Amino acid sequence: MTDFDWNSLGQLAPDGLAEPRLVLHHASQLAAAAGASLLPPRPDDSHPNLGWEPGAEALVGHPIEAAGSVRVAIRPRDLSLLLLDAAGNVLETVALPGRTPAESLRELQIAIGLAAGRTITTPLTCPDYELPHHAVADGASFPASSQMQAAWSELGAWFGGAHAALDAVRAHEPGASDVRCWPHHFDIATLIVHATGEGGSPTQTIGVGMSPGDESYAEPYWYVSPWPYPETGELPPLEGGAHWHREGFTAAILPGSRLLAATHRAGALEAYLTSAVTACHRIHGD
C-alpha cells in the first residue's frame, strides 16, 4: 500500500465519474474479449478477467499462448487497448476514442495476428455479460474529449490504488486469491477463503475489493463482504469511516468521498480494511 501515492486521488470529485466510468466499463469488454475468445473456458469464468499492471497503468488480461503469450490490456488514462509481450513491453496500441467497438476489435484482431505471426481466424467476441447500457453498445464511437480523458485518468488512479491495497491484504491473508478485475461488475478484488467443505469447495468466504461505482453507489467505493451473508443480528464495529450496507447484499462499505476526506488516507484505508476483514472473520465464527 505504501507504493501508491494516495494524495494523487481526488483530482476530480468521485461523484462525477459515473459517465466516464460507464464508457470505461464498456471499453474493458474489448480487452476481456481476447480471453473470452482465445483462451480455454474456465469453470469459474475467470479466463476473461483482468489484473492491474502498474508499469503499464492498465488492466491486463491473461497470456494468450496461441499468440506468443501476448496479453491484451485496457489503459484508462487515454482509453487505449494495448498489446503487451511477456516482459510487459507495448507491442501495439489501439486508441479507442473516435472508433466504434466493432472497429476496435478488428484492429485488435489484426494486431494479435501480427504478434502471433499468423492470421487469427477466431473472431474476437466480447463476453456475454449484461452491462449498464451505453450508446457504444449500439455502435456509437467511443467519445473523445479532454474532460473524459481527465476522468479516465482519475479512474485509473482508483484502480492503481486498489491494486496496491488489495495486494497488501492478500499478503497477510492465507487463502486469498490473486487480485483481479472482473469485467462483468467491473470491480477489482481478492477472495479470502475462510472455510472449506468436502472436496475443498469454499463454504465461507470474504470478498475484499473496490468498485469504481455502480447502481448501489455512484462513486468509487471499497467493500468487504462475508458470504454467506449473516441473516440477522448486530454487526461488528468498523473503523476508517466505514458503514455496513445490508440492502440487497451485506458488506462493510467505505465510500471514496469519505476516504478522500481523511487526513491520512493510507492510514484510514488500512484501518478500514483491517477492521472489516476482522469483522467478517468474526461473523464466520472466529
Protein backbone atom coordinates (compact mmCIF):
# COMPACT_ATOMS: atom_id res chain seq x y z
CA MET A 1 0.00 0.00 0.00
CA THR A 2 2.97 2.30 0.63
CA ASP A 3 3.92 2.04 -3.07
CA PHE A 4 0.93 4.17 -4.05
CA ASP A 5 0.58 7.94 -3.58
CA TRP A 6 -2.88 8.23 -2.05
CA ASN A 7 -2.75 12.02 -2.34
CA SER A 8 -2.85 11.59 -6.14
CA LEU A 9 -6.54 10.67 -5.85
CA GLY A 10 -9.23 13.32 -5.86
CA GLN A 11 -8.23 15.40 -8.87
CA LEU A 12 -11.90 15.06 -9.80
CA ALA A 13 -14.86 14.63 -7.46
CA PRO A 14 -15.70 10.92 -7.09
CA ASP A 15 -19.42 11.51 -7.61
CA GLY A 16 -18.75 13.00 -11.06
CA LEU A 17 -17.19 9.87 -12.59
CA ALA A 18 -20.36 7.94 -13.47
CA GLU A 19 -20.47 8.61 -17.24
CA PRO A 20 -16.71 8.16 -17.85
CA ARG A 21 -16.82 5.01 -15.72
CA LEU A 22 -19.63 3.60 -17.86
CA VAL A 23 -17.59 4.24 -21.03
CA LEU A 24 -14.52 2.60 -19.45
CA HIS A 25 -16.65 -0.36 -18.34
CA HIS A 26 -17.72 -0.98 -21.94
CA ALA A 27 -14.17 -0.42 -23.20
CA SER A 28 -12.87 -3.05 -20.79
CA GLN A 29 -15.03 -5.65 -22.52
CA LEU A 30 -12.79 -5.32 -25.60
CA ALA A 31 -9.74 -6.34 -23.57
CA ALA A 32 -11.76 -9.15 -21.99
CA ALA A 33 -12.81 -10.30 -25.49
CA ALA A 34 -9.33 -11.70 -26.10
CA GLY A 35 -9.55 -14.00 -23.10
CA ALA A 36 -13.19 -14.88 -23.76
CA SER A 37 -12.47 -15.80 -27.40
CA LEU A 38 -8.92 -17.19 -27.44
CA LEU A 39 -8.44 -18.90 -24.06
CA PRO A 40 -9.93 -22.21 -22.88
CA PRO A 41 -13.03 -21.59 -20.76
CA ARG A 42 -12.60 -21.94 -17.02
CA PRO A 43 -15.37 -23.20 -14.70
CA ASP A 44 -15.26 -20.00 -12.63
CA ASP A 45 -15.39 -17.79 -15.77
CA SER A 46 -12.02 -16.27 -14.86
CA HIS A 47 -10.46 -16.56 -18.34
CA PRO A 48 -11.69 -13.09 -19.47
CA ASN A 49 -10.75 -11.31 -16.23
CA LEU A 50 -8.02 -8.69 -15.91
CA GLY A 51 -5.29 -7.70 -13.45
CA TRP A 52 -3.73 -4.30 -12.83
CA GLU A 53 -0.15 -3.86 -14.03
CA PRO A 54 1.40 -0.69 -12.53
CA GLY A 55 4.13 -0.38 -15.18
CA ALA A 56 1.59 -0.27 -18.00
CA GLU A 57 -1.00 1.65 -15.94
CA ALA A 58 -3.51 -0.78 -17.36
CA LEU A 59 -5.89 -3.64 -16.69
CA VAL A 60 -4.22 -6.62 -18.36
CA GLY A 61 -5.62 -9.98 -19.45
CA HIS A 62 -4.14 -13.46 -19.20
CA PRO A 63 -1.38 -14.55 -21.63
CA ILE A 64 -2.64 -15.90 -24.94
CA GLU A 65 -0.36 -18.87 -25.56
CA ALA A 66 -1.59 -19.34 -29.14
CA ALA A 67 -0.29 -15.84 -29.93
CA GLY A 68 3.14 -16.00 -28.33
CA SER A 69 1.90 -15.28 -24.78
CA VAL A 70 0.85 -11.72 -25.65
CA ARG A 71 -1.57 -10.04 -23.28
CA VAL A 72 -4.33 -7.58 -24.14
CA ALA A 73 -4.87 -4.60 -21.84
CA ILE A 74 -7.07 -1.54 -21.47
CA ARG A 75 -5.27 1.63 -20.33
CA PRO A 76 -7.75 4.01 -18.70
CA ARG A 77 -5.81 7.29 -18.93
CA ASP A 78 -6.14 7.52 -22.72
CA LEU A 79 -8.74 4.79 -23.30
CA SER A 80 -6.40 2.62 -25.37
CA LEU A 81 -6.09 -1.10 -25.93
CA LEU A 82 -2.52 -2.32 -25.53
CA LEU A 83 -0.85 -5.47 -26.77
CA LEU A 84 1.91 -6.45 -24.33
CA ASP A 85 4.62 -9.08 -24.65
CA ALA A 86 5.63 -11.38 -21.79
CA ALA A 87 8.03 -8.74 -20.43
CA GLY A 88 5.37 -6.03 -20.40
CA ASN A 89 6.62 -4.15 -23.45
CA VAL A 90 3.94 -2.46 -25.55
CA LEU A 91 3.82 -4.07 -29.00
CA GLU A 92 0.78 -2.24 -30.35
CA THR A 93 -1.66 0.45 -29.26
CA VAL A 94 -5.26 0.82 -30.44
CA ALA A 95 -6.75 4.17 -29.40
CA LEU A 96 -10.49 3.80 -28.81
CA PRO A 97 -11.78 7.42 -28.91
CA GLY A 98 -13.38 8.01 -32.31
CA ARG A 99 -13.64 4.27 -33.06
CA THR A 100 -16.65 2.01 -32.59
CA PRO A 101 -16.27 -1.20 -30.56
CA ALA A 102 -16.52 -3.26 -33.77
CA GLU A 103 -13.77 -1.24 -35.47
CA SER A 104 -11.61 -1.53 -32.36
CA LEU A 105 -12.00 -5.31 -32.20
CA ARG A 106 -11.00 -5.64 -35.84
CA GLU A 107 -7.84 -3.58 -35.21
CA LEU A 108 -7.07 -5.67 -32.13
CA GLN A 109 -7.51 -8.94 -34.02
CA ILE A 110 -5.07 -7.78 -36.69
CA ALA A 111 -2.54 -6.78 -34.01
CA ILE A 112 -2.80 -10.15 -32.26
CA GLY A 113 -2.31 -11.92 -35.58
CA LEU A 114 0.84 -9.90 -36.30
CA ALA A 115 2.21 -10.80 -32.88
CA ALA A 116 1.40 -14.47 -33.45
CA GLY A 117 2.91 -14.46 -36.94
CA ARG A 118 -0.29 -15.86 -38.42
CA THR A 119 -3.87 -14.88 -39.10
CA ILE A 120 -6.19 -15.27 -36.12
CA THR A 121 -9.34 -16.75 -37.62
CA THR A 122 -11.34 -16.97 -34.38
CA PRO A 123 -13.38 -13.74 -34.22
CA LEU A 124 -12.98 -11.68 -31.06
CA THR A 125 -16.28 -11.54 -29.22
CA CYS A 126 -16.97 -9.65 -26.01
CA PRO A 127 -18.14 -11.72 -23.04
CA ASP A 128 -21.90 -12.16 -22.94
CA TYR A 129 -22.48 -10.05 -19.84
CA GLU A 130 -25.46 -7.83 -19.15
CA LEU A 131 -23.96 -4.36 -18.67
CA PRO A 132 -25.48 -0.97 -17.85
CA HIS A 133 -26.46 0.46 -21.21
CA HIS A 134 -24.37 2.99 -23.11
CA ALA A 135 -24.57 4.24 -26.72
CA VAL A 136 -21.31 2.48 -27.63
CA ALA A 137 -23.16 -0.82 -27.16
CA ASP A 138 -25.41 0.25 -30.06
CA GLY A 139 -22.45 1.00 -32.33
CA ALA A 140 -21.59 4.58 -31.38
CA SER A 141 -17.94 5.63 -31.34
CA PHE A 142 -16.11 5.95 -28.06
CA PRO A 143 -16.14 9.64 -27.05
CA ALA A 144 -13.09 11.84 -27.38
CA SER A 145 -12.77 14.84 -25.05
CA SER A 146 -10.25 16.28 -22.62
CA GLN A 147 -12.84 16.12 -19.82
CA MET A 148 -13.40 12.43 -20.42
CA GLN A 149 -9.66 11.78 -20.57
CA ALA A 150 -9.13 13.50 -17.19
CA ALA A 151 -11.88 11.35 -15.69
CA TRP A 152 -10.46 8.13 -17.17
CA SER A 153 -7.08 9.04 -15.70
CA GLU A 154 -8.74 9.53 -12.30
CA LEU A 155 -10.45 6.15 -12.58
CA GLY A 156 -7.11 4.58 -13.48
CA ALA A 157 -5.71 6.02 -10.25
CA TRP A 158 -8.51 4.38 -8.28
CA PHE A 159 -7.68 1.02 -9.86
CA GLY A 160 -3.97 1.54 -9.22
CA GLY A 161 -4.58 2.33 -5.56
CA ALA A 162 -6.92 -0.62 -5.21
CA HIS A 163 -4.31 -2.98 -6.64
CA ALA A 164 -1.72 -1.77 -4.12
CA ALA A 165 -4.06 -2.03 -1.13
CA LEU A 166 -5.52 -5.39 -2.10
CA ASP A 167 -2.07 -6.82 -2.69
CA ALA A 168 -1.25 -5.84 0.91
CA VAL A 169 -4.41 -7.59 2.14
CA ARG A 170 -3.53 -10.69 0.14
CA ALA A 171 -0.03 -10.79 1.64
CA HIS A 172 -1.49 -11.03 5.16
CA GLU A 173 -4.44 -13.34 4.50
CA PRO A 174 -3.80 -17.05 3.90
CA GLY A 175 -6.13 -18.38 1.26
CA ALA A 176 -6.61 -15.07 -0.54
CA SER A 177 -6.86 -15.24 -4.32
CA ASP A 178 -4.98 -13.18 -6.88
CA VAL A 179 -6.19 -9.60 -7.24
CA ARG A 180 -8.30 -9.47 -10.41
CA CYS A 181 -10.80 -7.17 -12.11
CA TRP A 182 -13.99 -8.95 -13.14
CA PRO A 183 -15.32 -7.35 -16.35
CA HIS A 184 -18.98 -8.05 -15.55
CA HIS A 185 -19.29 -5.88 -12.44
CA PHE A 186 -16.00 -4.05 -13.16
CA ASP A 187 -14.75 -4.39 -9.59
CA ILE A 188 -11.19 -5.36 -8.65
CA ALA A 189 -10.98 -7.79 -5.76
CA THR A 190 -9.42 -10.66 -3.89
CA LEU A 191 -11.43 -13.52 -2.37
CA ILE A 192 -10.39 -14.88 1.02
CA VAL A 193 -11.44 -18.47 1.67
CA HIS A 194 -12.36 -18.68 5.35
CA ALA A 195 -13.56 -22.30 5.41
CA THR A 196 -13.93 -25.23 3.02
CA GLY A 197 -16.13 -28.30 2.92
CA GLU A 198 -15.74 -31.76 1.49
CA GLY A 199 -13.62 -31.75 -1.63
CA GLY A 200 -12.12 -28.40 -0.74
CA SER A 201 -15.03 -26.30 -2.01
CA PRO A 202 -15.32 -22.94 -0.19
CA THR A 203 -18.17 -22.76 2.31
CA GLN A 204 -17.31 -19.37 3.83
CA THR A 205 -15.54 -16.55 2.01
CA ILE A 206 -14.73 -12.86 2.37
CA GLY A 207 -14.69 -10.69 -0.73
CA VAL A 208 -12.45 -7.62 -0.48
CA GLY A 209 -12.49 -5.16 -3.32
CA MET A 210 -13.02 -1.76 -4.89
CA SER A 211 -15.80 -0.87 -7.29
CA PRO A 212 -15.45 2.27 -9.43
CA GLY A 213 -19.18 2.77 -8.89
CA ASP A 214 -22.43 1.04 -9.76
CA GLU A 215 -26.18 1.16 -9.20
CA SER A 216 -25.69 1.00 -5.42
CA TYR A 217 -23.10 3.79 -5.12
CA ALA A 218 -22.49 6.39 -7.82
CA GLU A 219 -18.88 6.92 -6.73
CA PRO A 220 -15.90 4.58 -6.29
CA TYR A 221 -16.20 2.59 -3.06
CA TRP A 222 -14.49 -0.14 -1.11
CA TYR A 223 -16.29 -3.22 0.12
CA VAL A 224 -15.55 -6.18 2.40
CA SER A 225 -18.31 -8.76 2.20
CA PRO A 226 -18.85 -12.03 4.10
CA TRP A 227 -20.52 -14.94 2.35
CA PRO A 228 -22.90 -16.46 3.26
CA TYR A 229 -24.45 -13.20 4.44
CA PRO A 230 -25.48 -13.08 8.10
CA GLU A 231 -29.27 -13.11 8.23
CA THR A 232 -29.83 -11.21 11.46
CA GLY A 233 -28.02 -9.73 14.41
CA GLU A 234 -25.79 -6.80 15.17
CA LEU A 235 -22.68 -6.49 13.05
CA PRO A 236 -19.19 -5.73 14.46
CA PRO A 237 -17.96 -2.10 14.57
CA LEU A 238 -15.85 -0.71 11.75
CA GLU A 239 -13.05 1.85 11.53
CA GLY A 240 -11.94 4.40 8.96
CA GLY A 241 -15.38 5.96 8.49
CA ALA A 242 -16.98 2.83 7.03
CA HIS A 243 -20.56 1.62 7.44
CA TRP A 244 -22.48 -1.63 6.97
CA HIS A 245 -24.66 -1.99 3.88
CA ARG A 246 -27.48 -4.56 4.15
CA GLU A 247 -29.87 -3.79 1.30
CA GLY A 248 -29.53 -6.50 -1.37
CA PHE A 249 -26.11 -7.55 -0.07
CA THR A 250 -24.13 -7.32 3.14
CA ALA A 251 -20.78 -5.55 3.11
CA ALA A 252 -18.64 -3.10 5.04
CA ILE A 253 -18.56 -0.06 2.75
CA LEU A 254 -16.07 2.80 2.59
CA PRO A 255 -17.23 5.40 0.02
CA GLY A 256 -14.48 7.05 -1.99
CA SER A 257 -15.52 10.53 -0.85
CA ARG A 258 -15.04 9.51 2.77
CA LEU A 259 -11.55 8.19 2.05
CA LEU A 260 -10.63 11.43 0.25
CA ALA A 261 -11.81 13.45 3.26
CA ALA A 262 -9.45 11.59 5.63
CA THR A 263 -6.39 13.48 6.84
CA HIS A 264 -4.21 10.40 6.41
CA ARG A 265 -5.78 8.40 3.59
CA ALA A 266 -3.45 5.40 3.69
CA GLY A 267 -3.97 5.04 7.44
CA ALA A 268 -7.75 5.38 7.17
CA LEU A 269 -7.91 2.79 4.39
CA GLU A 270 -5.69 0.36 6.28
CA ALA A 271 -7.79 0.80 9.45
CA TYR A 272 -10.98 0.18 7.48
CA LEU A 273 -9.66 -2.91 5.68
CA THR A 274 -8.19 -4.43 8.84
CA SER A 275 -11.35 -3.86 10.90
CA ALA A 276 -13.68 -5.01 8.12
CA VAL A 277 -11.78 -8.22 7.33
CA THR A 278 -11.51 -8.98 11.06
CA ALA A 279 -15.25 -8.33 11.44
CA CYS A 280 -16.06 -10.75 8.62
CA HIS A 281 -13.85 -13.45 10.16
CA ARG A 282 -15.82 -12.93 13.41
CA ILE A 283 -19.10 -13.20 11.53
CA HIS A 284 -17.90 -16.54 10.17
CA GLY A 285 -17.14 -17.79 13.65
CA ASP A 286 -13.57 -16.80 14.56
